[in-house]
N, C-alpha and C. Protein backbone atom coordinates (compact mmCIF):
# COMPACT_ATOMS: atom_id res chain seq x y z
N MET A 1 223.35 -167.70 -39.43
CA MET A 1 223.53 -166.51 -40.23
C MET A 1 222.26 -166.32 -41.07
N THR A 2 221.76 -165.10 -41.05
CA THR A 2 220.54 -164.84 -41.79
C THR A 2 220.84 -164.74 -43.27
N ARG A 3 219.79 -164.85 -44.01
CA ARG A 3 219.92 -164.80 -45.45
C ARG A 3 220.46 -163.44 -45.92
N ALA A 4 220.01 -162.33 -45.32
CA ALA A 4 220.46 -160.99 -45.70
C ALA A 4 221.95 -160.81 -45.42
N VAL A 5 222.43 -161.29 -44.28
CA VAL A 5 223.85 -161.18 -43.94
C VAL A 5 224.68 -162.00 -44.91
N ALA A 6 224.21 -163.19 -45.25
CA ALA A 6 224.92 -164.04 -46.19
C ALA A 6 225.01 -163.38 -47.56
N LEU A 7 223.92 -162.73 -47.98
CA LEU A 7 223.91 -162.05 -49.28
C LEU A 7 224.88 -160.88 -49.29
N VAL A 8 224.90 -160.08 -48.23
CA VAL A 8 225.84 -158.95 -48.12
C VAL A 8 227.27 -159.46 -48.14
N LEU A 9 227.54 -160.52 -47.41
CA LEU A 9 228.88 -161.10 -47.38
C LEU A 9 229.29 -161.60 -48.76
N LEU A 10 228.38 -162.21 -49.48
CA LEU A 10 228.67 -162.70 -50.83
C LEU A 10 228.99 -161.53 -51.77
N VAL A 11 228.23 -160.45 -51.68
CA VAL A 11 228.47 -159.27 -52.52
C VAL A 11 229.84 -158.66 -52.21
N VAL A 12 230.16 -158.52 -50.93
CA VAL A 12 231.45 -157.95 -50.53
C VAL A 12 232.60 -158.80 -51.03
N LEU A 13 232.51 -160.11 -50.87
CA LEU A 13 233.58 -161.00 -51.33
C LEU A 13 233.71 -160.99 -52.85
N THR A 14 232.59 -160.88 -53.55
CA THR A 14 232.63 -160.81 -55.01
C THR A 14 233.32 -159.54 -55.47
N LEU A 15 232.94 -158.40 -54.87
CA LEU A 15 233.56 -157.13 -55.26
C LEU A 15 235.03 -157.08 -54.89
N ALA A 16 235.41 -157.69 -53.80
CA ALA A 16 236.81 -157.68 -53.38
C ALA A 16 237.70 -158.42 -54.37
N GLY A 17 237.16 -159.39 -55.06
CA GLY A 17 237.94 -160.17 -56.02
C GLY A 17 237.88 -159.65 -57.43
N THR A 18 237.13 -158.57 -57.67
CA THR A 18 236.99 -158.01 -59.01
C THR A 18 238.17 -157.09 -59.32
N PRO A 19 238.90 -157.37 -60.41
CA PRO A 19 240.04 -156.49 -60.74
C PRO A 19 239.55 -155.11 -61.15
N VAL A 20 240.28 -154.10 -60.75
CA VAL A 20 239.97 -152.71 -61.07
C VAL A 20 241.16 -152.14 -61.84
N ALA A 21 240.88 -151.45 -62.94
CA ALA A 21 241.96 -150.84 -63.73
C ALA A 21 242.60 -149.73 -62.91
N ALA A 22 243.91 -149.72 -62.88
CA ALA A 22 244.64 -148.70 -62.12
C ALA A 22 244.72 -147.40 -62.90
N GLU A 23 244.50 -146.28 -62.22
CA GLU A 23 244.55 -144.97 -62.84
C GLU A 23 245.94 -144.62 -63.36
N HIS A 24 246.97 -145.23 -62.79
CA HIS A 24 248.32 -144.87 -63.19
C HIS A 24 248.77 -145.59 -64.46
N GLU A 25 247.96 -146.47 -64.99
CA GLU A 25 248.32 -147.18 -66.21
C GLU A 25 248.42 -146.21 -67.38
N VAL A 26 249.32 -146.49 -68.31
CA VAL A 26 249.59 -145.60 -69.43
C VAL A 26 248.34 -145.34 -70.26
N TYR A 27 247.42 -146.28 -70.34
CA TYR A 27 246.25 -146.07 -71.17
C TYR A 27 245.18 -145.21 -70.50
N TYR A 28 245.49 -144.63 -69.37
CA TYR A 28 244.62 -143.64 -68.74
C TYR A 28 245.29 -142.27 -68.64
N ARG A 29 246.52 -142.16 -69.14
CA ARG A 29 247.26 -140.89 -69.03
C ARG A 29 247.49 -140.30 -70.40
N TYR A 30 247.35 -139.00 -70.47
CA TYR A 30 247.77 -138.25 -71.64
C TYR A 30 248.55 -137.06 -71.10
N VAL A 31 249.82 -136.99 -71.44
CA VAL A 31 250.72 -135.98 -70.88
C VAL A 31 250.94 -134.85 -71.88
N VAL A 32 250.71 -133.64 -71.42
CA VAL A 32 251.04 -132.45 -72.22
C VAL A 32 252.13 -131.73 -71.44
N LEU A 33 253.27 -131.54 -72.08
CA LEU A 33 254.40 -130.89 -71.43
C LEU A 33 255.07 -129.94 -72.40
N GLY A 34 255.92 -129.09 -71.86
CA GLY A 34 256.64 -128.16 -72.72
C GLY A 34 257.23 -127.02 -71.93
N PHE A 35 257.54 -125.95 -72.63
CA PHE A 35 258.18 -124.79 -72.03
C PHE A 35 257.42 -123.52 -72.42
N VAL A 36 257.39 -122.58 -71.49
CA VAL A 36 256.79 -121.28 -71.74
C VAL A 36 257.92 -120.25 -71.66
N LYS A 37 258.08 -119.52 -72.78
CA LYS A 37 259.16 -118.53 -72.86
C LYS A 37 258.62 -117.23 -73.43
N ASP A 38 259.31 -116.12 -73.11
CA ASP A 38 258.91 -114.84 -73.69
C ASP A 38 259.41 -114.76 -75.13
N ALA A 39 259.14 -113.65 -75.79
CA ALA A 39 259.52 -113.49 -77.20
C ALA A 39 261.02 -113.55 -77.42
N ARG A 40 261.82 -113.28 -76.38
CA ARG A 40 263.28 -113.34 -76.50
C ARG A 40 263.85 -114.72 -76.18
N GLY A 41 262.98 -115.64 -75.77
CA GLY A 41 263.44 -116.99 -75.45
C GLY A 41 263.77 -117.21 -73.99
N HIS A 42 263.44 -116.25 -73.13
CA HIS A 42 263.70 -116.39 -71.69
C HIS A 42 262.56 -117.15 -71.03
N ALA A 43 262.92 -118.07 -70.15
CA ALA A 43 261.94 -118.87 -69.43
C ALA A 43 261.03 -118.00 -68.57
N LEU A 44 259.75 -118.35 -68.55
CA LEU A 44 258.78 -117.64 -67.72
C LEU A 44 258.32 -118.60 -66.61
N SER A 45 258.75 -118.33 -65.40
CA SER A 45 258.37 -119.19 -64.28
C SER A 45 257.08 -118.72 -63.63
N GLY A 46 256.39 -119.65 -62.99
CA GLY A 46 255.16 -119.32 -62.27
C GLY A 46 253.96 -119.03 -63.15
N ARG A 47 254.02 -119.34 -64.42
CA ARG A 47 252.87 -119.13 -65.31
C ARG A 47 251.88 -120.26 -65.11
N GLU A 48 250.62 -119.91 -64.94
CA GLU A 48 249.57 -120.91 -64.76
C GLU A 48 249.06 -121.38 -66.11
N LEU A 49 248.83 -122.70 -66.21
CA LEU A 49 248.32 -123.31 -67.43
C LEU A 49 247.06 -124.09 -67.10
N GLU A 50 246.21 -124.23 -68.11
CA GLU A 50 245.00 -125.02 -67.96
C GLU A 50 244.80 -125.83 -69.23
N LEU A 51 244.64 -127.15 -69.08
CA LEU A 51 244.32 -128.04 -70.19
C LEU A 51 242.88 -128.45 -70.00
N ILE A 52 242.05 -128.22 -71.00
CA ILE A 52 240.62 -128.49 -70.91
C ILE A 52 240.22 -129.57 -71.91
N ARG A 53 239.50 -130.57 -71.43
CA ARG A 53 238.88 -131.55 -72.33
C ARG A 53 237.63 -130.89 -72.89
N ASP A 54 237.62 -130.59 -74.17
CA ASP A 54 236.49 -129.89 -74.78
C ASP A 54 235.19 -130.68 -74.65
N LYS A 55 235.28 -131.99 -74.72
CA LYS A 55 234.10 -132.87 -74.66
C LYS A 55 233.39 -132.77 -73.31
N THR A 56 234.15 -132.67 -72.24
CA THR A 56 233.56 -132.72 -70.90
C THR A 56 233.65 -131.39 -70.15
N GLY A 57 234.55 -130.51 -70.58
CA GLY A 57 234.77 -129.27 -69.86
C GLY A 57 235.67 -129.43 -68.65
N PHE A 58 236.11 -130.66 -68.38
CA PHE A 58 236.99 -130.90 -67.23
C PHE A 58 238.36 -130.31 -67.53
N SER A 59 238.97 -129.69 -66.51
CA SER A 59 240.28 -129.08 -66.75
C SER A 59 241.33 -129.59 -65.78
N TYR A 60 242.57 -129.51 -66.22
CA TYR A 60 243.75 -129.90 -65.46
C TYR A 60 244.65 -128.68 -65.37
N LEU A 61 245.15 -128.40 -64.18
CA LEU A 61 245.93 -127.19 -63.95
C LEU A 61 247.40 -127.51 -63.70
N ALA A 62 248.26 -126.57 -64.03
CA ALA A 62 249.70 -126.70 -63.78
C ALA A 62 250.30 -125.30 -63.75
N ALA A 63 251.58 -125.25 -63.40
CA ALA A 63 252.34 -123.99 -63.42
C ALA A 63 253.75 -124.29 -63.88
N THR A 64 254.40 -123.30 -64.47
CA THR A 64 255.77 -123.50 -64.93
C THR A 64 256.75 -123.39 -63.77
N ASP A 65 257.88 -124.09 -63.91
CA ASP A 65 258.94 -124.02 -62.90
C ASP A 65 259.93 -122.91 -63.31
N ALA A 66 261.08 -122.87 -62.66
CA ALA A 66 262.07 -121.81 -62.91
C ALA A 66 262.60 -121.83 -64.34
N GLN A 67 262.57 -122.99 -64.99
CA GLN A 67 263.03 -123.09 -66.38
C GLN A 67 261.89 -122.90 -67.39
N GLY A 68 260.70 -122.58 -66.89
CA GLY A 68 259.56 -122.40 -67.77
C GLY A 68 258.89 -123.72 -68.15
N PHE A 69 259.32 -124.81 -67.54
CA PHE A 69 258.81 -126.15 -67.88
C PHE A 69 257.49 -126.41 -67.17
N PHE A 70 256.59 -127.10 -67.86
CA PHE A 70 255.33 -127.54 -67.26
C PHE A 70 255.04 -128.97 -67.69
N LEU A 71 254.24 -129.66 -66.90
CA LEU A 71 253.82 -131.02 -67.20
C LEU A 71 252.41 -131.18 -66.65
N ILE A 72 251.49 -131.55 -67.53
CA ILE A 72 250.09 -131.77 -67.16
C ILE A 72 249.74 -133.22 -67.50
N ILE A 73 249.16 -133.92 -66.55
CA ILE A 73 248.71 -135.30 -66.80
C ILE A 73 247.19 -135.31 -66.78
N ALA A 74 246.61 -135.56 -67.96
CA ALA A 74 245.15 -135.65 -68.09
C ALA A 74 244.74 -137.11 -68.05
N ARG A 75 243.54 -137.35 -67.60
CA ARG A 75 243.00 -138.71 -67.56
C ARG A 75 242.17 -138.93 -68.83
N LEU A 76 242.77 -139.64 -69.78
CA LEU A 76 242.09 -139.98 -71.03
C LEU A 76 242.23 -141.48 -71.26
N GLY A 77 241.16 -142.13 -71.60
CA GLY A 77 241.20 -143.55 -71.90
C GLY A 77 241.33 -143.80 -73.39
N ASP A 78 241.33 -145.07 -73.75
CA ASP A 78 241.46 -145.46 -75.16
C ASP A 78 240.42 -144.79 -76.05
N GLU A 79 239.21 -144.63 -75.52
CA GLU A 79 238.12 -144.06 -76.30
C GLU A 79 238.31 -142.56 -76.57
N SER A 80 239.30 -141.96 -75.94
CA SER A 80 239.54 -140.52 -76.09
C SER A 80 240.49 -140.16 -77.22
N ALA A 81 240.96 -141.14 -77.97
CA ALA A 81 241.86 -140.86 -79.10
C ALA A 81 241.16 -139.90 -80.06
N GLY A 82 241.85 -138.84 -80.42
CA GLY A 82 241.31 -137.84 -81.33
C GLY A 82 240.50 -136.76 -80.66
N GLU A 83 240.34 -136.85 -79.35
CA GLU A 83 239.53 -135.87 -78.62
C GLU A 83 240.17 -134.49 -78.67
N ALA A 84 239.34 -133.47 -78.75
CA ALA A 84 239.81 -132.08 -78.78
C ALA A 84 240.15 -131.60 -77.38
N LEU A 85 241.29 -130.91 -77.27
CA LEU A 85 241.75 -130.33 -76.01
C LEU A 85 242.09 -128.86 -76.26
N THR A 86 241.92 -128.07 -75.22
CA THR A 86 242.29 -126.65 -75.29
C THR A 86 243.35 -126.39 -74.24
N LEU A 87 244.45 -125.76 -74.63
CA LEU A 87 245.52 -125.40 -73.71
C LEU A 87 245.56 -123.88 -73.59
N LYS A 88 245.49 -123.40 -72.33
CA LYS A 88 245.51 -121.96 -72.07
C LYS A 88 246.70 -121.62 -71.19
N VAL A 89 247.38 -120.55 -71.57
CA VAL A 89 248.45 -119.95 -70.76
C VAL A 89 248.15 -118.47 -70.75
N GLY A 90 247.60 -117.98 -69.63
CA GLY A 90 247.15 -116.59 -69.59
C GLY A 90 246.09 -116.37 -70.64
N SER A 91 246.29 -115.36 -71.50
CA SER A 91 245.32 -115.08 -72.56
C SER A 91 245.61 -115.85 -73.85
N ALA A 92 246.75 -116.55 -73.90
CA ALA A 92 247.10 -117.34 -75.08
C ALA A 92 246.38 -118.69 -75.04
N VAL A 93 245.80 -119.08 -76.16
CA VAL A 93 245.00 -120.30 -76.23
C VAL A 93 245.34 -121.05 -77.51
N THR A 94 245.41 -122.39 -77.43
CA THR A 94 245.57 -123.21 -78.62
C THR A 94 244.72 -124.46 -78.47
N ARG A 95 244.39 -125.04 -79.60
CA ARG A 95 243.61 -126.30 -79.63
C ARG A 95 244.55 -127.43 -80.01
N LEU A 96 244.36 -128.56 -79.34
CA LEU A 96 245.16 -129.76 -79.59
C LEU A 96 244.22 -130.94 -79.86
N ARG A 97 244.77 -132.00 -80.41
CA ARG A 97 244.06 -133.28 -80.56
C ARG A 97 244.84 -134.32 -79.78
N ALA A 98 244.14 -135.12 -79.00
CA ALA A 98 244.78 -136.22 -78.27
C ALA A 98 245.11 -137.30 -79.29
N SER A 99 246.34 -137.30 -79.73
CA SER A 99 246.77 -138.20 -80.80
C SER A 99 247.58 -139.35 -80.22
N PHE A 100 247.03 -140.56 -80.32
CA PHE A 100 247.72 -141.77 -79.86
C PHE A 100 247.02 -143.00 -80.43
N ASP A 101 247.72 -144.13 -80.39
CA ASP A 101 247.17 -145.40 -80.85
C ASP A 101 246.48 -146.07 -79.67
N PRO A 102 245.15 -146.19 -79.68
CA PRO A 102 244.45 -146.78 -78.53
C PRO A 102 244.79 -148.24 -78.28
N ALA A 103 245.36 -148.93 -79.27
CA ALA A 103 245.74 -150.32 -79.08
C ALA A 103 247.11 -150.45 -78.40
N ASN A 104 247.87 -149.36 -78.35
CA ASN A 104 249.21 -149.39 -77.76
C ASN A 104 249.11 -149.03 -76.27
N HIS A 105 249.26 -150.03 -75.43
CA HIS A 105 249.20 -149.82 -73.98
C HIS A 105 250.58 -149.84 -73.36
N ARG A 106 251.61 -149.72 -74.17
CA ARG A 106 252.99 -149.76 -73.67
C ARG A 106 253.64 -148.38 -73.62
N ASP A 107 253.51 -147.63 -74.71
CA ASP A 107 254.19 -146.34 -74.82
C ASP A 107 253.40 -145.23 -74.14
N ASP A 108 254.13 -144.25 -73.60
CA ASP A 108 253.49 -143.08 -73.01
C ASP A 108 252.76 -142.30 -74.08
N ARG A 109 251.65 -141.71 -73.70
CA ARG A 109 250.82 -140.95 -74.62
C ARG A 109 250.93 -139.47 -74.27
N GLY A 110 251.07 -138.63 -75.29
CA GLY A 110 251.11 -137.22 -75.02
C GLY A 110 251.75 -136.43 -76.13
N THR A 111 252.01 -135.17 -75.85
CA THR A 111 252.64 -134.28 -76.81
C THR A 111 253.41 -133.19 -76.08
N ARG A 112 254.31 -132.58 -76.80
CA ARG A 112 255.04 -131.43 -76.28
C ARG A 112 254.52 -130.19 -77.00
N VAL A 113 254.21 -129.16 -76.22
CA VAL A 113 253.75 -127.89 -76.77
C VAL A 113 254.52 -126.79 -76.07
N ASP A 114 255.22 -125.97 -76.84
CA ASP A 114 255.96 -124.84 -76.29
C ASP A 114 255.22 -123.55 -76.64
N LEU A 115 255.25 -122.61 -75.72
CA LEU A 115 254.73 -121.28 -75.99
C LEU A 115 255.93 -120.35 -76.07
N GLU A 116 256.12 -119.76 -77.25
CA GLU A 116 257.24 -118.86 -77.50
C GLU A 116 256.67 -117.47 -77.78
N GLY A 117 256.70 -116.62 -76.76
CA GLY A 117 256.04 -115.31 -76.89
C GLY A 117 254.54 -115.53 -76.86
N VAL A 118 253.90 -115.31 -78.00
CA VAL A 118 252.46 -115.54 -78.11
C VAL A 118 252.13 -116.69 -79.06
N LYS A 119 253.17 -117.39 -79.52
CA LYS A 119 252.99 -118.45 -80.51
C LYS A 119 253.18 -119.83 -79.89
N PHE A 120 252.18 -120.70 -80.05
CA PHE A 120 252.29 -122.10 -79.62
C PHE A 120 252.96 -122.91 -80.73
N VAL A 121 253.89 -123.78 -80.33
CA VAL A 121 254.55 -124.65 -81.28
C VAL A 121 254.47 -126.08 -80.73
N GLU A 122 253.73 -126.94 -81.45
CA GLU A 122 253.62 -128.33 -81.02
C GLU A 122 254.79 -129.11 -81.58
N ARG A 123 255.50 -129.81 -80.69
CA ARG A 123 256.68 -130.59 -81.07
C ARG A 123 256.49 -132.03 -80.60
N GLY A 124 255.52 -132.70 -81.19
CA GLY A 124 255.20 -134.06 -80.81
C GLY A 124 256.37 -135.02 -80.90
N ALA A 125 257.25 -134.81 -81.86
CA ALA A 125 258.40 -135.69 -82.04
C ALA A 125 259.37 -135.59 -80.86
N GLN A 126 259.34 -134.51 -80.11
CA GLN A 126 260.23 -134.33 -78.96
C GLN A 126 259.57 -134.71 -77.64
N PHE A 127 258.33 -135.22 -77.70
CA PHE A 127 257.61 -135.56 -76.48
C PHE A 127 258.36 -136.57 -75.62
N ARG A 128 258.71 -137.71 -76.19
CA ARG A 128 259.32 -138.78 -75.40
C ARG A 128 260.64 -138.34 -74.77
N SER A 129 261.52 -137.70 -75.53
CA SER A 129 262.81 -137.30 -74.98
C SER A 129 262.64 -136.25 -73.88
N THR A 130 261.68 -135.35 -74.05
CA THR A 130 261.42 -134.35 -73.01
C THR A 130 260.86 -135.00 -71.76
N LEU A 131 259.98 -135.98 -71.93
CA LEU A 131 259.41 -136.70 -70.79
C LEU A 131 260.50 -137.45 -70.03
N VAL A 132 261.39 -138.12 -70.76
CA VAL A 132 262.49 -138.84 -70.12
C VAL A 132 263.40 -137.87 -69.37
N ASP A 133 263.69 -136.73 -69.97
CA ASP A 133 264.51 -135.73 -69.28
C ASP A 133 263.85 -135.26 -67.98
N ALA A 134 262.53 -135.13 -68.01
CA ALA A 134 261.80 -134.60 -66.87
C ALA A 134 261.62 -135.61 -65.74
N VAL A 135 261.32 -136.85 -66.08
CA VAL A 135 260.97 -137.84 -65.04
C VAL A 135 261.87 -139.06 -65.01
N GLY A 136 262.85 -139.11 -65.90
CA GLY A 136 263.71 -140.29 -65.96
C GLY A 136 263.15 -141.30 -66.93
N THR A 137 263.69 -142.48 -66.91
CA THR A 137 263.28 -143.51 -67.86
C THR A 137 261.79 -143.84 -67.73
N THR A 138 261.16 -144.14 -68.85
CA THR A 138 259.76 -144.53 -68.84
C THR A 138 259.59 -145.99 -69.27
N GLN A 139 260.68 -146.75 -69.13
CA GLN A 139 260.62 -148.18 -69.49
C GLN A 139 259.72 -148.93 -68.55
N ARG A 140 259.01 -149.90 -69.07
CA ARG A 140 258.13 -150.75 -68.25
C ARG A 140 258.70 -152.13 -68.17
């Protein structure tokens, strides 16, 4: 075996044994969810939403279902705590802050934001219960 082949084999075996952080881990997810309703409180289905990371300009897209519900999963790491986000629904726009404890790798990270007519209402305290209703238990 030549020296070059041995070196390539060593590099491949080294990289194969290197642990890689999984994208699905809670400390890489920031969930923005909620409901879009008209001024009378009726669900608006098929509305397109865009969540933008102001720092990078990267955006995440979603649409509401028949109940007006949406769920957006952004990729934010521990270093993104406090980062500015922009949520757009049609011409309606609001600014959010990615609020979470970067040392907490157990609990889901995110917020609930409802659009009622033209008014955004952030309901962070209802985030976990809404997430559980949408996807089932989030126990690890």
